[in-house]
Amino acid sequence: MQRITFISLAVTAMLASGPVWAQAGSTAEHTGIELAVETFTWDFTRNTANVQEETGPRVRLGMGWDNFRRRTFGWVYSGEAGFLVGTTDQENFDTTPTTERKINYAGIQAEGMTGIHFGSSFGVNLLAGVGFDGFARMLETPTAGPTPPLAGTTEYWLIVFTKFGLGLSQDFTYGHWRLEGGLKLPVYTQTRVDVDGFDRANFEPKRRGSIYAQAKINFGKVDSAHGGLTVYYDSYSFGDTGAQTLTVDGVASASNYRLDKSESRAVGVRLSYFFN
């Protein structure tokens, strides 16, 4: 836990200092609040067979800042931080009969990107960044299913990741558009699992690369309050972590818990209001 706390604080400090790094080259800074609604899916596979499917809505509320509305060659940056909540439905095909249950999400997210803008009002952006995603994934006890029923479970996930992207952007007097996409590479993952009636289990999901993309439009002058609209795609990929035997007061039980190979995807729309 100390290792997790240290990494979280270190990444947070790096993100908070992002605007300072780019201050010298910034010509079009703005800060605002953001609200995003997304459709989230998470698929789990074992030996090429689909063992779990999860889908449902999630909401993100936070703040964002960047200086991409620039018209000269130089440094650019962007950053965002906020809260995540949502409720999804899961089908578990690894049980007989198949079970369905609700999964509730609550978490915090933050990331920062920096790079170089090549061009003038229209240009190419070469980008790199870092961030973290920490959330609780709360699996409710199914109302119907196998006997004995699946226990209520909470998974606590921490993911520290890097991003490398390439984008295009163009600024106008009364607006701005930006396209961006690239690779997302986890550098640290840890999952703590609390199953009702059992001791805590710890996993380190295997890290695999994934992709992200976004298309963003700002409406209004850069030196006044204005709005923004973003359509985005985000994803994570994890390898098969295998099963652990659960214990009760340190004594092995007959129950296992496993984290299979998985891929999560989010497609969403984000509304922004920039104060300046």
Protein backbone atom coordinates (compact mmCIF):
# COMPACT_ATOMS: atom_id res chain seq x y z
CA MET A 1 0.00 0.00 0.00
CA GLN A 2 2.89 2.37 0.74
CA ARG A 3 4.23 1.72 -2.76
CA ILE A 4 0.83 2.54 -4.28
CA THR A 5 0.51 5.72 -2.22
CA PHE A 6 4.00 6.90 -3.21
CA ILE A 7 3.40 6.34 -6.92
CA SER A 8 0.01 8.11 -6.77
CA LEU A 9 1.48 11.13 -5.02
CA ALA A 10 4.45 11.28 -7.38
CA VAL A 11 2.27 11.17 -10.49
CA THR A 12 -0.13 13.74 -9.03
CA ALA A 13 2.78 16.11 -8.37
CA MET A 14 4.04 15.68 -11.91
CA LEU A 15 0.64 16.44 -13.37
CA ALA A 16 0.12 19.45 -11.14
CA SER A 17 3.41 20.92 -12.33
CA GLY A 18 2.59 20.36 -16.01
CA PRO A 19 1.40 23.93 -16.69
CA VAL A 20 4.66 25.25 -15.20
CA TRP A 21 6.77 23.17 -17.59
CA ALA A 22 5.01 24.65 -20.60
CA GLN A 23 4.50 28.16 -19.30
CA ALA A 24 7.34 29.66 -21.32
CA GLY A 25 5.91 28.47 -24.63
CA SER A 26 2.24 28.91 -23.92
CA THR A 27 0.28 31.49 -25.86
CA ALA A 28 -3.26 30.21 -25.55
CA GLU A 29 -3.83 28.80 -22.08
CA HIS A 30 -7.30 28.05 -20.79
CA THR A 31 -8.80 26.18 -17.86
CA GLY A 32 -12.30 24.82 -17.43
CA ILE A 33 -14.68 22.24 -16.02
CA GLU A 34 -15.67 19.09 -17.87
CA LEU A 35 -18.55 16.60 -17.78
CA ALA A 36 -18.34 13.35 -19.74
CA VAL A 37 -20.82 10.53 -20.30
CA GLU A 38 -19.53 7.27 -21.72
CA THR A 39 -20.55 3.75 -22.64
CA PHE A 40 -18.17 1.34 -20.96
CA THR A 41 -17.50 -2.33 -21.80
CA TRP A 42 -15.13 -4.86 -20.22
CA ASP A 43 -14.67 -8.33 -21.74
CA PHE A 44 -12.82 -11.22 -20.06
CA THR A 45 -11.52 -14.24 -21.97
CA ARG A 46 -9.92 -17.55 -20.97
CA ASN A 47 -8.36 -19.85 -23.56
CA THR A 48 -10.07 -17.75 -26.29
CA ALA A 49 -13.50 -18.31 -24.66
CA ASN A 50 -15.52 -15.33 -23.41
CA VAL A 51 -16.15 -15.89 -19.69
CA GLN A 52 -17.52 -12.46 -18.68
CA GLU A 53 -19.12 -9.50 -20.40
CA GLU A 54 -19.78 -6.15 -18.77
CA THR A 55 -21.39 -3.04 -20.19
CA GLY A 56 -23.07 0.12 -18.95
CA PRO A 57 -22.83 3.90 -18.51
CA ARG A 58 -20.27 5.86 -16.54
CA VAL A 59 -19.95 9.59 -15.79
CA ARG A 60 -16.80 11.67 -15.32
CA LEU A 61 -16.68 15.13 -13.71
CA GLY A 62 -13.50 17.14 -13.43
CA MET A 63 -11.30 19.95 -14.68
CA GLY A 64 -9.06 20.31 -17.71
CA TRP A 65 -6.47 22.73 -18.98
CA ASP A 66 -4.31 23.10 -22.10
CA ASN A 67 -2.60 25.56 -24.41
CA PHE A 68 -3.28 23.86 -27.76
CA ARG A 69 -4.91 27.02 -29.14
CA ARG A 70 -1.55 28.41 -30.18
CA ARG A 71 -0.36 29.74 -33.53
CA THR A 72 3.41 29.39 -33.24
CA PHE A 73 5.93 26.58 -33.00
CA GLY A 74 6.59 25.52 -29.42
CA TRP A 75 5.61 23.49 -26.38
CA VAL A 76 2.02 22.40 -25.79
CA TYR A 77 0.43 20.67 -22.83
CA SER A 78 -2.90 19.33 -21.67
CA GLY A 79 -4.12 17.86 -18.41
CA GLU A 80 -7.25 16.66 -16.71
CA ALA A 81 -8.27 15.34 -13.32
CA GLY A 82 -11.62 14.27 -11.98
CA PHE A 83 -14.00 11.75 -10.48
CA LEU A 84 -15.63 8.70 -12.04
CA VAL A 85 -18.91 7.00 -11.10
CA GLY A 86 -21.12 4.50 -12.87
CA THR A 87 -23.10 1.27 -12.79
CA THR A 88 -22.74 -1.56 -15.29
CA ASP A 89 -24.34 -4.97 -15.84
CA GLN A 90 -22.23 -8.11 -15.94
CA GLU A 91 -22.96 -11.56 -17.36
CA ASN A 92 -20.71 -14.30 -15.98
CA PHE A 93 -20.61 -17.30 -18.35
CA ASP A 94 -18.13 -19.12 -16.10
CA THR A 95 -20.93 -20.18 -13.74
CA THR A 96 -23.79 -22.64 -14.10
CA PRO A 97 -26.35 -21.29 -14.58
CA THR A 98 -25.09 -17.99 -16.06
CA THR A 99 -25.28 -15.19 -13.50
CA GLU A 100 -26.05 -11.52 -13.89
CA ARG A 101 -25.15 -8.81 -11.41
CA LYS A 102 -24.63 -5.07 -11.06
CA ILE A 103 -21.19 -3.52 -10.79
CA ASN A 104 -20.76 -0.07 -9.26
CA TYR A 105 -17.77 2.16 -9.99
CA ALA A 106 -16.21 5.04 -8.07
CA GLY A 107 -12.74 6.43 -8.65
CA ILE A 108 -10.35 9.24 -9.47
CA GLN A 109 -8.37 9.83 -12.63
CA ALA A 110 -5.65 12.24 -13.72
CA GLU A 111 -3.31 12.59 -16.65
CA GLY A 112 -1.01 15.11 -18.24
CA MET A 113 0.37 15.39 -21.77
CA THR A 114 3.14 17.53 -23.13
CA GLY A 115 4.74 17.83 -26.54
CA ILE A 116 5.71 20.07 -29.43
CA HIS A 117 3.47 21.90 -31.88
CA PHE A 118 5.01 22.04 -35.36
CA GLY A 119 3.46 24.72 -37.54
CA SER A 120 1.45 27.90 -37.07
CA SER A 121 -2.34 28.14 -36.67
CA PHE A 122 -2.47 24.71 -38.36
CA GLY A 123 0.07 22.19 -37.17
CA VAL A 124 1.15 18.74 -36.10
CA ASN A 125 1.49 17.82 -32.41
CA LEU A 126 3.98 15.22 -31.19
CA LEU A 127 2.92 14.16 -27.67
CA ALA A 128 3.84 12.09 -24.62
CA GLY A 129 2.25 11.89 -21.19
CA VAL A 130 1.66 10.08 -17.93
CA GLY A 131 -1.36 9.45 -15.71
CA PHE A 132 -3.08 7.22 -13.23
CA ASP A 133 -6.48 5.62 -12.85
CA GLY A 134 -7.63 4.47 -9.40
CA PHE A 135 -11.09 3.04 -8.90
CA ALA A 136 -13.22 0.68 -6.84
CA ARG A 137 -15.13 -1.96 -8.82
CA MET A 138 -17.92 -3.18 -6.56
CA LEU A 139 -19.59 -6.44 -7.68
CA GLU A 140 -22.95 -6.95 -6.01
CA THR A 141 -24.21 -10.37 -4.91
CA PRO A 142 -26.38 -11.79 -7.74
CA THR A 143 -30.12 -12.08 -7.05
CA ALA A 144 -30.21 -15.41 -8.91
CA GLY A 145 -27.61 -17.93 -9.98
CA PRO A 146 -25.62 -20.87 -8.66
CA THR A 147 -25.89 -22.34 -5.17
CA PRO A 148 -24.10 -21.18 -3.09
CA PRO A 149 -24.39 -17.71 -4.62
CA LEU A 150 -21.38 -15.65 -5.66
CA ALA A 151 -20.16 -13.46 -2.82
CA GLY A 152 -20.18 -9.69 -2.90
CA THR A 153 -16.74 -8.48 -3.98
CA THR A 154 -14.85 -5.19 -4.25
CA GLU A 155 -11.81 -4.85 -6.50
CA TYR A 156 -9.52 -1.86 -5.94
CA TRP A 157 -7.55 -1.07 -9.10
CA LEU A 158 -4.55 1.22 -9.50
CA ILE A 159 -3.10 1.75 -12.99
CA VAL A 160 -0.18 4.05 -13.77
CA PHE A 161 0.26 4.54 -17.51
CA THR A 162 2.14 6.41 -20.19
CA LYS A 163 0.74 7.73 -23.48
CA PHE A 164 2.41 8.50 -26.79
CA GLY A 165 0.39 10.25 -29.46
CA LEU A 166 0.32 12.21 -32.68
CA GLY A 167 -2.24 14.87 -33.54
CA LEU A 168 -3.38 17.67 -35.80
CA SER A 169 -4.85 20.99 -34.68
CA GLN A 170 -5.99 24.28 -36.14
CA ASP A 171 -7.01 27.49 -34.42
CA PHE A 172 -9.43 30.12 -35.71
CA THR A 173 -10.54 33.43 -34.25
CA TYR A 174 -13.82 31.93 -33.07
CA GLY A 175 -12.89 28.29 -32.66
CA HIS A 176 -10.40 25.46 -32.67
CA TRP A 177 -10.33 21.79 -33.65
CA ARG A 178 -7.96 19.03 -32.65
CA LEU A 179 -7.51 15.36 -33.57
CA GLU A 180 -5.30 13.08 -31.51
CA GLY A 181 -4.57 9.38 -31.14
CA GLY A 182 -1.88 6.96 -30.09
CA LEU A 183 -0.71 4.23 -27.73
CA LYS A 184 -1.47 3.78 -24.06
CA LEU A 185 1.05 1.67 -22.11
CA PRO A 186 0.55 0.71 -18.44
CA VAL A 187 3.77 0.78 -16.43
CA TYR A 188 2.33 -0.32 -13.06
CA THR A 189 -0.83 -2.23 -12.20
CA GLN A 190 -2.14 -3.55 -8.91
CA THR A 191 -5.51 -4.96 -7.88
CA ARG A 192 -6.60 -5.64 -4.30
CA VAL A 193 -9.59 -7.96 -4.04
CA ASP A 194 -11.91 -8.10 -1.00
CA VAL A 195 -14.37 -11.02 -1.19
CA ASP A 196 -17.01 -11.19 1.55
CA GLY A 197 -15.98 -13.82 4.12
CA PHE A 198 -12.37 -14.18 2.91
CA ASP A 199 -8.99 -12.57 3.46
CA ARG A 200 -7.73 -9.94 1.05
CA ALA A 201 -6.04 -11.12 -2.16
CA ASN A 202 -3.57 -9.11 -4.22
CA PHE A 203 -2.92 -9.33 -7.96
CA GLU A 204 -0.65 -7.55 -10.42
CA PRO A 205 -2.50 -7.71 -13.77
CA LYS A 206 -0.15 -8.27 -16.69
CA ARG A 207 0.40 -5.09 -18.67
CA ARG A 208 -0.49 -4.86 -22.35
CA GLY A 209 -0.66 -1.90 -24.72
CA SER A 210 -3.89 -0.37 -25.99
CA ILE A 211 -4.99 2.65 -28.02
CA TYR A 212 -6.79 5.95 -27.45
CA ALA A 213 -8.20 8.66 -29.70
CA GLN A 214 -10.18 11.91 -29.46
CA ALA A 215 -11.69 14.62 -31.64
CA LYS A 216 -12.21 18.00 -29.98
CA ILE A 217 -13.87 21.26 -31.04
CA ASN A 218 -13.79 24.55 -29.11
CA PHE A 219 -16.36 27.28 -29.76
CA GLY A 220 -15.48 30.91 -29.06
CA LYS A 221 -12.50 33.22 -28.68
CA VAL A 222 -9.53 31.95 -26.74
CA ASP A 223 -9.30 35.07 -24.53
CA SER A 224 -12.88 34.79 -23.26
CA ALA A 225 -15.17 32.16 -21.77
CA HIS A 226 -16.00 29.50 -24.34
CA GLY A 227 -17.26 25.94 -24.70
CA GLY A 228 -15.90 22.68 -26.02
CA LEU A 229 -17.14 19.32 -27.29
CA THR A 230 -15.01 16.15 -27.38
CA VAL A 231 -15.74 12.67 -28.69
CA TYR A 232 -13.26 10.10 -27.37
CA TYR A 233 -12.26 6.45 -27.32
CA ASP A 234 -10.20 4.97 -24.48
CA SER A 235 -9.09 1.44 -23.64
CA TYR A 236 -7.03 -0.84 -21.40
CA SER A 237 -5.69 -4.35 -22.04
CA PHE A 238 -4.52 -6.83 -19.40
CA GLY A 239 -3.00 -10.31 -19.62
CA ASP A 240 -4.17 -13.44 -17.78
CA THR A 241 -3.12 -13.10 -14.14
CA GLY A 242 -4.31 -16.56 -13.16
CA ALA A 243 -6.11 -17.79 -10.05
CA GLN A 244 -5.35 -17.48 -6.34
CA THR A 245 -6.69 -19.71 -3.58
CA LEU A 246 -8.66 -17.57 -1.14
CA THR A 247 -7.90 -17.88 2.55
CA VAL A 248 -9.91 -17.43 5.75
CA ASP A 249 -7.78 -16.20 8.66
CA GLY A 250 -4.73 -17.40 6.75
CA VAL A 251 -6.09 -20.91 6.12
CA ALA A 252 -6.60 -21.99 2.51
CA SER A 253 -10.22 -22.50 1.45
CA ALA A 254 -11.82 -24.40 -1.43
CA SER A 255 -12.53 -21.15 -3.32
CA ASN A 256 -10.39 -19.44 -5.97
CA TYR A 257 -10.42 -15.95 -7.42
CA ARG A 258 -8.94 -15.18 -10.82
CA LEU A 259 -8.34 -12.25 -13.12
CA ASP A 260 -8.54 -13.40 -16.72
CA LYS A 261 -7.18 -11.76 -19.83
CA SER A 262 -9.35 -8.72 -20.48
CA GLU A 263 -9.94 -5.60 -22.52
CA SER A 264 -11.94 -2.56 -21.44
CA ARG A 265 -13.23 0.11 -23.82
CA ALA A 266 -14.95 3.44 -23.29
CA VAL A 267 -16.64 5.58 -25.94
CA GLY A 268 -17.85 8.93 -24.69
CA VAL A 269 -18.80 12.55 -25.18
CA ARG A 270 -17.29 15.31 -23.04
CA LEU A 271 -18.67 18.84 -22.64
CA SER A 272 -16.31 21.58 -21.46
CA TYR A 273 -16.73 25.14 -20.28
CA PHE A 274 -13.54 27.21 -20.19
CA PHE A 275 -13.34 30.24 -17.93
CA ASN A 276 -10.63 31.93 -20.00
